[in-house]
Amino acid sequence: MNLRAVEEVSTQVPADDFQALEDKVYRTIELYKSAREARSIAERDVQRLREQLEQREEEVENMRRELVSLRKERELVRSRVEKMLAQIDRIEEPAAS
């Protein structure tokens, strides 16, 4: 915009209207800055939550593996105990007769 156009605009627009427009522009700039900052904060929060979710998923997977392992171990112990009880029952049978 050249100097002549600026002069024409300034003569056409009263000072109060120009001041109001200027205030609106500055408020709009501040709103934009605030929105950008809020977006940046939200993006950081999303990234942090994704990392936490990934950690929790890893923990859940580790716990599942441990649960499977413990169940197998429990079944093995149960089987061994049942075998021992069966042997004890066989030992007691002749004594009871």
PDB file of N, CA and C in Angstrom:
ATOM      1  N   MET A   1       0.848  -1.153   0.000  1.00  0.00           N
ATOM      2  CA  MET A   1       0.000   0.000   0.000  1.00  0.00           C
ATOM      3  C   MET A   1       0.909   1.236   0.000  1.00  0.00           C
ATOM      4  N   ASN A   2       0.671   2.131  -0.930  1.00  0.00           N
ATOM      5  CA  ASN A   2       1.538   3.299  -1.005  1.00  0.00           C
ATOM      6  C   ASN A   2       1.069   4.388  -0.044  1.00  0.00           C
ATOM      7  N   LEU A   3       1.853   5.440   0.062  1.00  0.00           N
ATOM      8  CA  LEU A   3       1.581   6.522   1.007  1.00  0.00           C
ATOM      9  C   LEU A   3       0.275   7.231   0.701  1.00  0.00           C
ATOM     10  N   ARG A   4      -0.017   7.415  -0.565  1.00  0.00           N
ATOM     11  CA  ARG A   4      -1.250   8.101  -0.958  1.00  0.00           C
ATOM     12  C   ARG A   4      -2.478   7.296  -0.538  1.00  0.00           C
ATOM     13  N   ALA A   5      -2.422   5.963  -0.710  1.00  0.00           N
ATOM     14  CA  ALA A   5      -3.548   5.116  -0.320  1.00  0.00           C
ATOM     15  C   ALA A   5      -3.752   5.155   1.186  1.00  0.00           C
ATOM     16  N   VAL A   6      -2.661   5.182   1.936  1.00  0.00           N
ATOM     17  CA  VAL A   6      -2.753   5.256   3.385  1.00  0.00           C
ATOM     18  C   VAL A   6      -3.392   6.578   3.796  1.00  0.00           C
ATOM     19  N   GLU A   7      -2.987   7.647   3.135  1.00  0.00           N
ATOM     20  CA  GLU A   7      -3.568   8.950   3.450  1.00  0.00           C
ATOM     21  C   GLU A   7      -5.057   8.968   3.139  1.00  0.00           C
ATOM     22  N   GLU A   8      -5.454   8.352   2.024  1.00  0.00           N
ATOM     23  CA  GLU A   8      -6.863   8.309   1.653  1.00  0.00           C
ATOM     24  C   GLU A   8      -7.667   7.505   2.678  1.00  0.00           C
ATOM     25  N   VAL A   9      -7.119   6.372   3.103  1.00  0.00           N
ATOM     26  CA  VAL A   9      -7.805   5.543   4.083  1.00  0.00           C
ATOM     27  C   VAL A   9      -7.918   6.293   5.401  1.00  0.00           C
ATOM     28  N   SER A  10      -6.853   6.952   5.807  1.00  0.00           N
ATOM     29  CA  SER A  10      -6.884   7.654   7.091  1.00  0.00           C
ATOM     30  C   SER A  10      -7.858   8.827   7.067  1.00  0.00           C
ATOM     31  N   THR A  11      -8.052   9.445   5.926  1.00  0.00           N
ATOM     32  CA  THR A  11      -9.032  10.528   5.868  1.00  0.00           C
ATOM     33  C   THR A  11     -10.447   9.984   5.818  1.00  0.00           C
ATOM     34  N   GLN A  12     -10.602   8.771   5.298  1.00  0.00           N
ATOM     35  CA  GLN A  12     -11.933   8.185   5.200  1.00  0.00           C
ATOM     36  C   GLN A  12     -12.385   7.548   6.516  1.00  0.00           C
ATOM     37  N   VAL A  13     -11.443   7.016   7.296  1.00  0.00           N
ATOM     38  CA  VAL A  13     -11.770   6.304   8.528  1.00  0.00           C
ATOM     39  C   VAL A  13     -11.499   7.226   9.713  1.00  0.00           C
ATOM     40  N   PRO A  14     -12.501   7.529  10.514  1.00  0.00           N
ATOM     41  CA  PRO A  14     -12.269   8.367  11.696  1.00  0.00           C
ATOM     42  C   PRO A  14     -11.287   7.696  12.656  1.00  0.00           C
ATOM     43  N   ALA A  15     -10.603   8.468  13.435  1.00  0.00           N
ATOM     44  CA  ALA A  15      -9.567   7.959  14.351  1.00  0.00           C
ATOM     45  C   ALA A  15     -10.135   6.964  15.338  1.00  0.00           C
ATOM     46  N   ASP A  16     -11.327   7.188  15.856  1.00  0.00           N
ATOM     47  CA  ASP A  16     -11.930   6.270  16.824  1.00  0.00           C
ATOM     48  C   ASP A  16     -12.195   4.903  16.192  1.00  0.00           C
ATOM     49  N   ASP A  17     -12.690   4.924  14.933  1.00  0.00           N
ATOM     50  CA  ASP A  17     -12.943   3.659  14.242  1.00  0.00           C
ATOM     51  C   ASP A  17     -11.632   2.915  13.990  1.00  0.00           C
ATOM     52  N   PHE A  18     -10.601   3.669  13.630  1.00  0.00           N
ATOM     53  CA  PHE A  18      -9.313   3.044  13.383  1.00  0.00           C
ATOM     54  C   PHE A  18      -8.766   2.444  14.673  1.00  0.00           C
ATOM     55  N   GLN A  19      -8.912   3.169  15.776  1.00  0.00           N
ATOM     56  CA  GLN A  19      -8.446   2.663  17.076  1.00  0.00           C
ATOM     57  C   GLN A  19      -9.190   1.391  17.453  1.00  0.00           C
ATOM     58  N   ALA A  20     -10.501   1.364  17.202  1.00  0.00           N
ATOM     59  CA  ALA A  20     -11.290   0.169  17.508  1.00  0.00           C
ATOM     60  C   ALA A  20     -10.839  -1.004  16.650  1.00  0.00           C
ATOM     61  N   LEU A  21     -10.574  -0.720  15.371  1.00  0.00           N
ATOM     62  CA  LEU A  21     -10.090  -1.769  14.475  1.00  0.00           C
ATOM     63  C   LEU A  21      -8.730  -2.280  14.934  1.00  0.00           C
ATOM     64  N   GLU A  22      -7.858  -1.355  15.305  1.00  0.00           N
ATOM     65  CA  GLU A  22      -6.529  -1.728  15.795  1.00  0.00           C
ATOM     66  C   GLU A  22      -6.641  -2.601  17.042  1.00  0.00           C
ATOM     67  N   ASP A  23      -7.533  -2.222  17.957  1.00  0.00           N
ATOM     68  CA  ASP A  23      -7.742  -3.013  19.176  1.00  0.00           C
ATOM     69  C   ASP A  23      -8.222  -4.420  18.834  1.00  0.00           C
ATOM     70  N   LYS A  24      -9.132  -4.508  17.876  1.00  0.00           N
ATOM     71  CA  LYS A  24      -9.633  -5.825  17.463  1.00  0.00           C
ATOM     72  C   LYS A  24      -8.528  -6.670  16.856  1.00  0.00           C
ATOM     73  N   VAL A  25      -7.687  -6.044  16.055  1.00  0.00           N
ATOM     74  CA  VAL A  25      -6.565  -6.779  15.445  1.00  0.00           C
ATOM     75  C   VAL A  25      -5.632  -7.301  16.531  1.00  0.00           C
ATOM     76  N   TYR A  26      -5.307  -6.463  17.516  1.00  0.00           N
ATOM     77  CA  TYR A  26      -4.416  -6.905  18.594  1.00  0.00           C
ATOM     78  C   TYR A  26      -5.054  -8.004  19.446  1.00  0.00           C
ATOM     79  N   ARG A  27      -6.347  -7.882  19.710  1.00  0.00           N
ATOM     80  CA  ARG A  27      -7.036  -8.945  20.450  1.00  0.00           C
ATOM     81  C   ARG A  27      -7.021 -10.247  19.649  1.00  0.00           C
ATOM     82  N   THR A  28      -7.229 -10.126  18.347  1.00  0.00           N
ATOM     83  CA  THR A  28      -7.197 -11.315  17.487  1.00  0.00           C
ATOM     84  C   THR A  28      -5.816 -11.956  17.507  1.00  0.00           C
ATOM     85  N   ILE A  29      -4.784 -11.142  17.479  1.00  0.00           N
ATOM     86  CA  ILE A  29      -3.409 -11.660  17.547  1.00  0.00           C
ATOM     87  C   ILE A  29      -3.191 -12.381  18.873  1.00  0.00           C
ATOM     88  N   GLU A  30      -3.649 -11.799  19.970  1.00  0.00           N
ATOM     89  CA  GLU A  30      -3.493 -12.432  21.284  1.00  0.00           C
ATOM     90  C   GLU A  30      -4.281 -13.737  21.362  1.00  0.00           C
ATOM     91  N   LEU A  31      -5.486 -13.750  20.812  1.00  0.00           N
ATOM     92  CA  LEU A  31      -6.275 -14.985  20.788  1.00  0.00           C
ATOM     93  C   LEU A  31      -5.559 -16.067  19.979  1.00  0.00           C
ATOM     94  N   TYR A  32      -4.979 -15.659  18.863  1.00  0.00           N
ATOM     95  CA  TYR A  32      -4.249 -16.608  18.024  1.00  0.00           C
ATOM     96  C   TYR A  32      -3.049 -17.179  18.779  1.00  0.00           C
ATOM     97  N   LYS A  33      -2.315 -16.292  19.468  1.00  0.00           N
ATOM     98  CA  LYS A  33      -1.166 -16.767  20.261  1.00  0.00           C
ATOM     99  C   LYS A  33      -1.622 -17.747  21.340  1.00  0.00           C
ATOM    100  N   SER A  34      -2.723 -17.400  22.006  1.00  0.00           N
ATOM    101  CA  SER A  34      -3.247 -18.279  23.059  1.00  0.00           C
ATOM    102  C   SER A  34      -3.678 -19.623  22.489  1.00  0.00           C
ATOM    103  N   ALA A  35      -4.331 -19.591  21.343  1.00  0.00           N
ATOM    104  CA  ALA A  35      -4.775 -20.837  20.713  1.00  0.00           C
ATOM    105  C   ALA A  35      -3.582 -21.683  20.299  1.00  0.00           C
ATOM    106  N   ARG A  36      -2.541 -21.043  19.766  1.00  0.00           N
ATOM    107  CA  ARG A  36      -1.339 -21.787  19.380  1.00  0.00           C
ATOM    108  C   ARG A  36      -0.672 -22.414  20.593  1.00  0.00           C
ATOM    109  N   GLU A  37      -0.599 -21.657  21.685  1.00  0.00           N
ATOM    110  CA  GLU A  37       0.005 -22.183  22.912  1.00  0.00           C
ATOM    111  C   GLU A  37      -0.823 -23.348  23.456  1.00  0.00           C
ATOM    112  N   ALA A  38      -2.150 -23.193  23.447  1.00  0.00           N
ATOM    113  CA  ALA A  38      -3.024 -24.267  23.922  1.00  0.00           C
ATOM    114  C   ALA A  38      -2.862 -25.507  23.049  1.00  0.00           C
ATOM    115  N   ARG A  39      -2.739 -25.315  21.766  1.00  0.00           N
ATOM    116  CA  ARG A  39      -2.540 -26.456  20.858  1.00  0.00           C
ATOM    117  C   ARG A  39      -1.211 -27.147  21.154  1.00  0.00           C
ATOM    118  N   SER A  40      -0.185 -26.354  21.371  1.00  0.00           N
ATOM    119  CA  SER A  40       1.129 -26.921  21.684  1.00  0.00           C
ATOM    120  C   SER A  40       1.074 -27.733  22.983  1.00  0.00           C
ATOM    121  N   ILE A  41       0.403 -27.186  23.983  1.00  0.00           N
ATOM    122  CA  ILE A  41       0.254 -27.894  25.265  1.00  0.00           C
ATOM    123  C   ILE A  41      -0.535 -29.185  25.054  1.00  0.00           C
ATOM    124  N   ALA A  42      -1.605 -29.107  24.286  1.00  0.00           N
ATOM    125  CA  ALA A  42      -2.427 -30.295  24.017  1.00  0.00           C
ATOM    126  C   ALA A  42      -1.616 -31.356  23.276  1.00  0.00           C
ATOM    127  N   GLU A  43      -0.795 -30.947  22.325  1.00  0.00           N
ATOM    128  CA  GLU A  43       0.035 -31.909  21.587  1.00  0.00           C
ATOM    129  C   GLU A  43       1.046 -32.577  22.510  1.00  0.00           C
ATOM    130  N   ARG A  44       1.632 -31.791  23.435  1.00  0.00           N
ATOM    131  CA  ARG A  44       2.570 -32.386  24.401  1.00  0.00           C
ATOM    132  C   ARG A  44       1.848 -33.375  25.306  1.00  0.00           C
ATOM    133  N   ASP A  45       0.644 -32.997  25.735  1.00  0.00           N
ATOM    134  CA  ASP A  45      -0.148 -33.892  26.582  1.00  0.00           C
ATOM    135  C   ASP A  45      -0.486 -35.186  25.842  1.00  0.00           C
ATOM    136  N   VAL A  46      -0.858 -35.065  24.589  1.00  0.00           N
ATOM    137  CA  VAL A  46      -1.183 -36.250  23.785  1.00  0.00           C
ATOM    138  C   VAL A  46       0.040 -37.148  23.675  1.00  0.00           C
ATOM    139  N   GLN A  47       1.193 -36.565  23.415  1.00  0.00           N
ATOM    140  CA  GLN A  47       2.418 -37.361  23.300  1.00  0.00           C
ATOM    141  C   GLN A  47       2.731 -38.067  24.616  1.00  0.00           C
ATOM    142  N   ARG A  48       2.600 -37.321  25.733  1.00  0.00           N
ATOM    143  CA  ARG A  48       2.867 -37.918  27.049  1.00  0.00           C
ATOM    144  C   ARG A  48       1.894 -39.057  27.322  1.00  0.00           C
ATOM    145  N   LEU A  49       0.626 -38.858  27.005  1.00  0.00           N
ATOM    146  CA  LEU A  49      -0.379 -39.903  27.234  1.00  0.00           C
ATOM    147  C   LEU A  49      -0.141 -41.111  26.344  1.00  0.00           C
ATOM    148  N   ARG A  50       0.294 -40.879  25.122  1.00  0.00           N
ATOM    149  CA  ARG A  50       0.620 -42.016  24.240  1.00  0.00           C
ATOM    150  C   ARG A  50       1.774 -42.826  24.801  1.00  0.00           C
ATOM    151  N   GLU A  51       2.780 -42.128  25.330  1.00  0.00           N
ATOM    152  CA  GLU A  51       3.917 -42.830  25.928  1.00  0.00           C
ATOM    153  C   GLU A  51       3.474 -43.628  27.150  1.00  0.00           C
ATOM    154  N   GLN A  52       2.614 -43.024  27.975  1.00  0.00           N
ATOM    155  CA  GLN A  52       2.106 -43.737  29.151  1.00  0.00           C
ATOM    156  C   GLN A  52       1.283 -44.951  28.732  1.00  0.00           C
ATOM    157  N   LEU A  53       0.471 -44.791  27.705  1.00  0.00           N
ATOM    158  CA  LEU A  53      -0.340 -45.903  27.222  1.00  0.00           C
ATOM    159  C   LEU A  53       0.555 -47.032  26.720  1.00  0.00           C
ATOM    160  N   GLU A  54       1.601 -46.687  26.004  1.00  0.00           N
ATOM    161  CA  GLU A  54       2.532 -47.704  25.509  1.00  0.00           C
ATOM    162  C   GLU A  54       3.189 -48.444  26.678  1.00  0.00           C
ATOM    163  N   GLN A  55       3.577 -47.691  27.715  1.00  0.00           N
ATOM    164  CA  GLN A  55       4.182 -48.322  28.894  1.00  0.00           C
ATOM    165  C   GLN A  55       3.187 -49.266  29.567  1.00  0.00           C
ATOM    166  N   ARG A  56       1.948 -48.817  29.693  1.00  0.00           N
ATOM    167  CA  ARG A  56       0.923 -49.660  30.328  1.00  0.00           C
ATOM    168  C   ARG A  56       0.668 -50.917  29.505  1.00  0.00           C
ATOM    169  N   GLU A  57       0.661 -50.779  28.192  1.00  0.00           N
ATOM    170  CA  GLU A  57       0.453 -51.947  27.339  1.00  0.00           C
ATOM    171  C   GLU A  57       1.589 -52.943  27.509  1.00  0.00           C
ATOM    172  N   GLU A  58       2.819 -52.434  27.648  1.00  0.00           N
ATOM    173  CA  GLU A  58       3.962 -53.316  27.888  1.00  0.00           C
ATOM    174  C   GLU A  58       3.818 -54.014  29.237  1.00  0.00           C
ATOM    175  N   GLU A  59       3.395 -53.251  30.255  1.00  0.00           N
ATOM    176  CA  GLU A  59       3.199 -53.842  31.581  1.00  0.00           C
ATOM    177  C   GLU A  59       2.125 -54.922  31.540  1.00  0.00           C
ATOM    178  N   VAL A  60       1.034 -54.650  30.846  1.00  0.00           N
ATOM    179  CA  VAL A  60      -0.053 -55.634  30.731  1.00  0.00           C
ATOM    180  C   VAL A  60       0.464 -56.893  30.041  1.00  0.00           C
ATOM    181  N   GLU A  61       1.221 -56.729  28.971  1.00  0.00           N
ATOM    182  CA  GLU A  61       1.753 -57.891  28.250  1.00  0.00           C
ATOM    183  C   GLU A  61       2.687 -58.693  29.151  1.00  0.00           C
ATOM    184  N   ASN A  62       3.541 -58.007  29.914  1.00  0.00           N
ATOM    185  CA  ASN A  62       4.437 -58.704  30.845  1.00  0.00           C
ATOM    186  C   ASN A  62       3.642 -59.452  31.911  1.00  0.00           C
ATOM    187  N   MET A  63       2.586 -58.834  32.411  1.00  0.00           N
ATOM    188  CA  MET A  63       1.753 -59.485  33.430  1.00  0.00           C
ATOM    189  C   MET A  63       1.025 -60.696  32.840  1.00  0.00           C
ATOM    190  N   ARG A  64       0.591 -60.601  31.599  1.00  0.00           N
ATOM    191  CA  ARG A  64      -0.050 -61.760  30.958  1.00  0.00           C
ATOM    192  C   ARG A  64       0.917 -62.926  30.855  1.00  0.00           C
ATOM    193  N   ARG A  65       2.145 -62.606  30.422  1.00  0.00           N
ATOM    194  CA  ARG A  65       3.151 -63.688  30.318  1.00  0.00           C
ATOM    195  C   ARG A  65       3.417 -64.301  31.691  1.00  0.00           C
ATOM    196  N   GLU A  66       3.538 -63.454  32.701  1.00  0.00           N
ATOM    197  CA  GLU A  66       3.786 -63.950  34.055  1.00  0.00           C
ATOM    198  C   GLU A  66       2.612 -64.798  34.545  1.00  0.00           C
ATOM    199  N   LEU A  67       1.392 -64.371  34.256  1.00  0.00           N
ATOM    200  CA  LEU A  67       0.210 -65.128  34.654  1.00  0.00           C
ATOM    201  C   LEU A  67       0.201 -66.505  33.998  1.00  0.00           C
ATOM    202  N   VAL A  68       0.508 -66.551  32.713  1.00  0.00           N
ATOM    203  CA  VAL A  68       0.558 -67.837  32.010  1.00  0.00           C
ATOM    204  C   VAL A  68       1.616 -68.726  32.644  1.00  0.00           C
ATOM    205  N   SER A  69       2.770 -68.141  32.931  1.00  0.00           N
ATOM    206  CA  SER A  69       3.856 -68.904  33.542  1.00  0.00           C
ATOM    207  C   SER A  69       3.445 -69.433  34.923  1.00  0.00           C
ATOM    208  N   LEU A  70       2.806 -68.582  35.715  1.00  0.00           N
ATOM    209  CA  LEU A  70       2.381 -69.006  37.054  1.00  0.00           C
ATOM    210  C   LEU A  70       1.304 -70.093  36.988  1.00  0.00           C
ATOM    211  N   ARG A  71       0.417 -69.987  36.027  1.00  0.00           N
ATOM    212  CA  ARG A  71      -0.613 -71.029  35.880  1.00  0.00           C
ATOM    213  C   ARG A  71       0.015 -72.359  35.485  1.00  0.00           C
ATOM    214  N   LYS A  72       0.993 -72.327  34.595  1.00  0.00           N
ATOM    215  CA  LYS A  72       1.688 -73.568  34.216  1.00  0.00           C
ATOM    216  C   LYS A  72       2.409 -74.160  35.420  1.00  0.00           C
ATOM    217  N   GLU A  73       3.065 -73.278  36.176  1.00  0.00           N
ATOM    218  CA  GLU A  73       3.780 -73.742  37.366  1.00  0.00           C
ATOM    219  C   GLU A  73       2.802 -74.339  38.380  1.00  0.00           C
ATOM    220  N   ARG A  74       1.654 -73.711  38.566  1.00  0.00           N
ATOM    221  CA  ARG A  74       0.644 -74.220  39.494  1.00  0.00           C
ATOM    222  C   ARG A  74       0.163 -75.601  39.058  1.00  0.00           C
ATOM    223  N   GLU A  75      -0.077 -75.766  37.771  1.00  0.00           N
ATOM    224  CA  GLU A  75      -0.523 -77.068  37.268  1.00  0.00           C
ATOM    225  C   GLU A  75       0.559 -78.132  37.462  1.00  0.00           C
ATOM    226  N   LEU A  76       1.806 -77.749  37.270  1.00  0.00           N
ATOM    227  CA  LEU A  76       2.907 -78.686  37.480  1.00  0.00           C
ATOM    228  C   LEU A  76       2.969 -79.100  38.945  1.00  0.00           C
ATOM    229  N   VAL A  77       2.868 -78.133  39.856  1.00  0.00           N
ATOM    230  CA  VAL A  77       2.899 -78.431  41.290  1.00  0.00           C
ATOM    231  C   VAL A  77       1.708 -79.301  41.664  1.00  0.00           C
ATOM    232  N   ARG A  78       0.524 -78.962  41.145  1.00  0.00           N
ATOM    233  CA  ARG A  78      -0.674 -79.761  41.422  1.00  0.00           C
ATOM    234  C   ARG A  78      -0.475 -81.206  40.963  1.00  0.00           C
ATOM    235  N   SER A  79       0.063 -81.366  39.787  1.00  0.00           N
ATOM    236  CA  SER A  79       0.286 -82.714  39.256  1.00  0.00           C
ATOM    237  C   SER A  79       1.253 -83.491  40.146  1.00  0.00           C
ATOM    238  N   ARG A  80       2.312 -82.840  40.570  1.00  0.00           N
ATOM    239  CA  ARG A  80       3.303 -83.510  41.417  1.00  0.00           C
ATOM    240  C   ARG A  80       2.704 -83.877  42.776  1.00  0.00           C
ATOM    241  N   VAL A  81       1.904 -82.962  43.335  1.00  0.00           N
ATOM    242  CA  VAL A  81       1.265 -83.232  44.628  1.00  0.00           C
ATOM    243  C   VAL A  81       0.291 -84.398  44.483  1.00  0.00           C
ATOM    244  N   GLU A  82      -0.499 -84.429  43.396  1.00  0.00           N
ATOM    245  CA  GLU A  82      -1.437 -85.535  43.169  1.00  0.00           C
ATOM    246  C   GLU A  82      -0.705 -86.868  43.043  1.00  0.00           C
ATOM    247  N   LYS A  83       0.452 -86.862  42.396  1.00  0.00           N
ATOM    248  CA  LYS A  83       1.237 -88.096  42.280  1.00  0.00           C
ATOM    249  C   LYS A  83       1.717 -88.557  43.655  1.00  0.00           C
ATOM    250  N   MET A  84       2.180 -87.592  44.453  1.00  0.00           N
ATOM    251  CA  MET A  84       2.640 -87.957  45.798  1.00  0.00           C
ATOM    252  C   MET A  84       1.491 -88.493  46.639  1.00  0.00           C
ATOM    253  N   LEU A  85       0.319 -87.866  46.560  1.00  0.00           N
ATOM    254  CA  LEU A  85      -0.845 -88.342  47.311  1.00  0.00           C
ATOM    255  C   LEU A  85      -1.265 -89.726  46.840  1.00  0.00           C
ATOM    256  N   ALA A  86      -1.186 -89.963  45.542  1.00  0.00           N
ATOM    257  CA  ALA A  86      -1.534 -91.285  45.014  1.00  0.00           C
ATOM    258  C   ALA A  86      -0.573 -92.334  45.559  1.00  0.00           C
ATOM    259  N   GLN A  87       0.712 -92.010  45.630  1.00  0.00           N
ATOM    260  CA  GLN A  87       1.686 -92.954  46.173  1.00  0.00           C
ATOM    261  C   GLN A  87       1.424 -93.201  47.656  1.00  0.00           C
ATOM    262  N   ILE A  88       1.071 -92.146  48.390  1.00  0.00           N
ATOM    263  CA  ILE A  88       0.764 -92.312  49.813  1.00  0.00           C
ATOM    264  C   ILE A  88      -0.457 -93.208  49.977  1.00  0.00           C
ATOM    265  N   ASP A  89      -1.478 -93.023  49.113  1.00  0.00           N
ATOM    266  CA  ASP A  89      -2.680 -93.869  49.171  1.00  0.00           C
ATOM    267  C   ASP A  89      -2.304 -95.324  48.903  1.00  0.00           C
ATOM    268  N   ARG A  90      -1.411 -95.580  47.956  1.00  0.00           N
ATOM    269  CA  ARG A  90      -1.015 -96.961  47.653  1.00  0.00           C
ATOM    270  C   ARG A  90      -0.244 -97.584  48.816  1.00  0.00           C
ATOM    271  N   ILE A  91       0.528 -96.772  49.514  1.00  0.00           N
ATOM    272  CA  ILE A  91       1.273 -97.280  50.671  1.00  0.00           C
ATOM    273  C   ILE A  91       0.309 -97.627  51.796  1.00  0.00           C
ATOM    274  N   GLU A  92      -0.709 -96.819  51.977  1.00  0.00           N
ATOM    275  CA  GLU A  92      -1.665 -97.025  53.067  1.00  0.00           C
ATOM    276  C   GLU A  92      -2.613 -98.180  52.791  1.00  0.00           C
ATOM    277  N   GLU A  93      -2.896 -98.523  51.544  1.00  0.00           N
ATOM    278  CA  GLU A  93      -3.851 -99.583  51.203  1.00  0.00           C
ATOM    279  C   GLU A  93      -3.459-100.941  51.803  1.00  0.00           C
ATOM    280  N   PRO A  94      -2.234-101.400  51.601  1.00  0.00           N
ATOM    281  CA  PRO A  94      -1.900-102.699  52.205  1.00  0.00           C
ATOM    282  C   PRO A  94      -1.936-102.660  53.734  1.00  0.00           C
ATOM    283  N   ALA A  95      -1.612-101.530  54.319  1.00  0.00           N
ATOM    284  CA  ALA A  95      -1.629-101.439  55.774  1.00  0.00           C
ATOM    285  C   ALA A  95      -3.061-101.467  56.310  1.00  0.00           C
ATOM    286  N   ALA A  96      -3.993-100.959  55.541  1.00  0.00           N
ATOM    287  CA  ALA A  96      -5.375-100.921  55.966  1.00  0.00           C
ATOM    288  C   ALA A  96      -6.017-102.295  55.813  1.00  0.00           C
ATOM    289  N   SER A  97      -5.531-103.117  54.918  1.00  0.00           N
ATOM    290  CA  SER A  97      -6.158-104.423  54.683  1.00  0.00           C
ATOM    291  C   SER A  97      -5.904-105.412  55.740  1.00  0.00           C
TER     292      SER A  97
END
